[in-house]
Amino acid sequence: MKVRVSVLTAADAAFLLRVKLGPLRSWPDFLSDCIRGRQHVAGHQLLPCCRRKRGRMFRPAYSLKDIREFIRCVLDDEPGAGKVPLQPDFVVIDTALGWRVNKLDRHGVPVGPSI
């Protein structure tokens, strides 16, 4: 049976997941891992409904209905899920150095050069 559905690209699906579920996961990585069967949230996976030609390749596309159902299930089963405002971290960097050289640990303290 053929059905007409609304679909989103993987990038748009990841954005929608971030907005609705917060930073539980890195959503782009989550979606690519779900395709391989390696990832889930509280036992729930989100799989593409089809592949669409974009540029030279076929890329996964996600049903808007499936995305909404996934969000509803995760919000019901995962206590830490939900909208979270973006909160930037404040760090001190040396603007005379390139971004590759400005290495900071998780607390924002500069890390010396690798040996």
Protein backbone atom coordinates (compact mmCIF):
# COMPACT_ATOMS: atom_id res chain seq x y z
CA MET A 1 0.00 0.00 0.00
CA LYS A 2 1.39 3.39 -0.95
CA VAL A 3 1.00 6.22 1.53
CA ARG A 4 1.87 9.90 1.25
CA VAL A 5 3.98 11.01 4.25
CA SER A 6 5.80 14.15 5.35
CA VAL A 7 9.53 13.53 5.62
CA LEU A 8 12.52 15.42 7.00
CA THR A 9 16.22 15.09 6.24
CA ALA A 10 18.48 13.61 8.90
CA ALA A 11 19.81 17.09 9.72
CA ASP A 12 16.30 18.47 10.24
CA ALA A 13 15.28 15.41 12.27
CA ALA A 14 18.35 15.83 14.51
CA PHE A 15 17.51 19.51 15.00
CA LEU A 16 13.93 18.68 15.97
CA LEU A 17 15.14 16.03 18.43
CA ARG A 18 17.53 18.53 20.03
CA VAL A 19 14.77 21.12 20.40
CA LYS A 20 12.23 18.70 21.90
CA LEU A 21 14.46 16.29 23.88
CA GLY A 22 17.45 18.42 24.81
CA PRO A 23 21.08 17.30 24.88
CA LEU A 24 20.51 13.65 25.87
CA ARG A 25 22.57 12.53 22.91
CA SER A 26 24.45 13.88 19.96
CA TRP A 27 21.39 13.52 17.75
CA PRO A 28 23.14 13.38 14.34
CA ASP A 29 25.36 10.57 15.64
CA PHE A 30 22.35 8.92 17.28
CA LEU A 31 20.47 8.77 13.98
CA SER A 32 23.40 7.27 12.07
CA ASP A 33 23.96 4.72 14.85
CA CYS A 34 20.26 3.77 14.87
CA ILE A 35 20.54 2.82 11.20
CA ARG A 36 23.26 0.36 12.21
CA GLY A 37 21.21 -0.93 15.16
CA ARG A 38 23.72 0.31 17.74
CA GLN A 39 21.77 3.01 19.58
CA HIS A 40 18.50 3.56 21.43
CA VAL A 41 17.00 5.80 24.09
CA ALA A 42 15.05 3.90 26.76
CA GLY A 43 14.65 1.07 24.26
CA HIS A 44 13.31 3.31 21.48
CA GLN A 45 14.95 3.68 18.08
CA LEU A 46 14.19 6.06 15.24
CA LEU A 47 14.71 4.63 11.77
CA PRO A 48 14.36 6.32 8.39
CA CYS A 49 11.26 5.57 6.35
CA CYS A 50 13.01 5.88 2.97
CA ARG A 51 16.07 7.12 1.12
CA ARG A 52 15.87 10.22 -1.07
CA LYS A 53 18.26 11.31 -3.76
CA ARG A 54 20.17 14.38 -2.56
CA GLY A 55 23.06 15.48 -4.74
CA ARG A 56 24.84 12.36 -5.90
CA MET A 57 23.70 10.01 -3.14
CA PHE A 58 20.59 8.59 -1.58
CA ARG A 59 20.22 9.95 1.96
CA PRO A 60 17.93 8.76 4.75
CA ALA A 61 14.64 10.59 5.26
CA TYR A 62 12.54 10.41 8.43
CA SER A 63 8.78 10.43 8.65
CA LEU A 64 7.50 13.38 10.66
CA LYS A 65 4.92 11.07 12.23
CA ASP A 66 7.67 8.64 13.33
CA ILE A 67 9.74 11.49 14.76
CA ARG A 68 6.80 12.80 16.79
CA GLU A 69 6.01 9.29 18.06
CA PHE A 70 9.66 8.77 19.04
CA ILE A 71 9.71 12.09 20.91
CA ARG A 72 6.48 11.21 22.74
CA CYS A 73 7.80 7.78 23.78
CA VAL A 74 11.16 9.16 24.95
CA LEU A 75 9.50 11.95 26.96
CA ASP A 76 7.30 9.31 28.65
CA ASP A 77 10.15 6.91 29.45
CA GLU A 78 13.23 9.08 30.00
CA PRO A 79 13.15 11.40 33.04
CA GLY A 80 16.05 13.60 31.85
CA ALA A 81 14.50 14.36 28.47
CA GLY A 82 12.94 17.69 27.65
CA LYS A 83 13.57 21.18 26.46
CA VAL A 84 16.74 22.67 27.87
CA PRO A 85 17.90 26.19 26.99
CA LEU A 86 21.35 26.52 25.48
CA GLN A 87 23.86 27.45 28.14
CA PRO A 88 27.25 28.56 26.83
CA ASP A 89 30.42 27.86 28.80
CA PHE A 90 32.82 30.72 29.39
CA VAL A 91 36.49 29.98 28.78
CA VAL A 92 39.65 32.00 28.33
CA ILE A 93 41.46 31.51 25.03
CA ASP A 94 44.50 33.09 23.44
CA THR A 95 43.26 34.78 20.27
CA ALA A 96 46.81 34.98 18.94
CA LEU A 97 46.78 31.18 18.59
CA GLY A 98 44.77 29.10 16.15
CA TRP A 99 41.82 27.01 17.31
CA ARG A 100 43.85 23.78 17.06
CA VAL A 101 46.36 25.09 19.61
CA ASN A 102 43.77 26.41 22.10
CA LYS A 103 43.28 23.12 23.97
CA LEU A 104 41.15 23.14 27.12
CA ASP A 105 40.17 20.38 29.51
CA ARG A 106 36.52 19.81 30.47
CA HIS A 107 36.76 22.51 33.16
CA GLY A 108 38.08 25.11 30.70
CA VAL A 109 41.67 25.06 31.96
CA PRO A 110 44.31 25.30 29.21
CA VAL A 111 46.14 22.04 28.49
CA GLY A 112 49.81 22.08 27.56
CA PRO A 113 51.05 20.95 24.16
CA SER A 114 51.12 17.23 23.45
CA ILE A 115 54.47 15.50 23.65
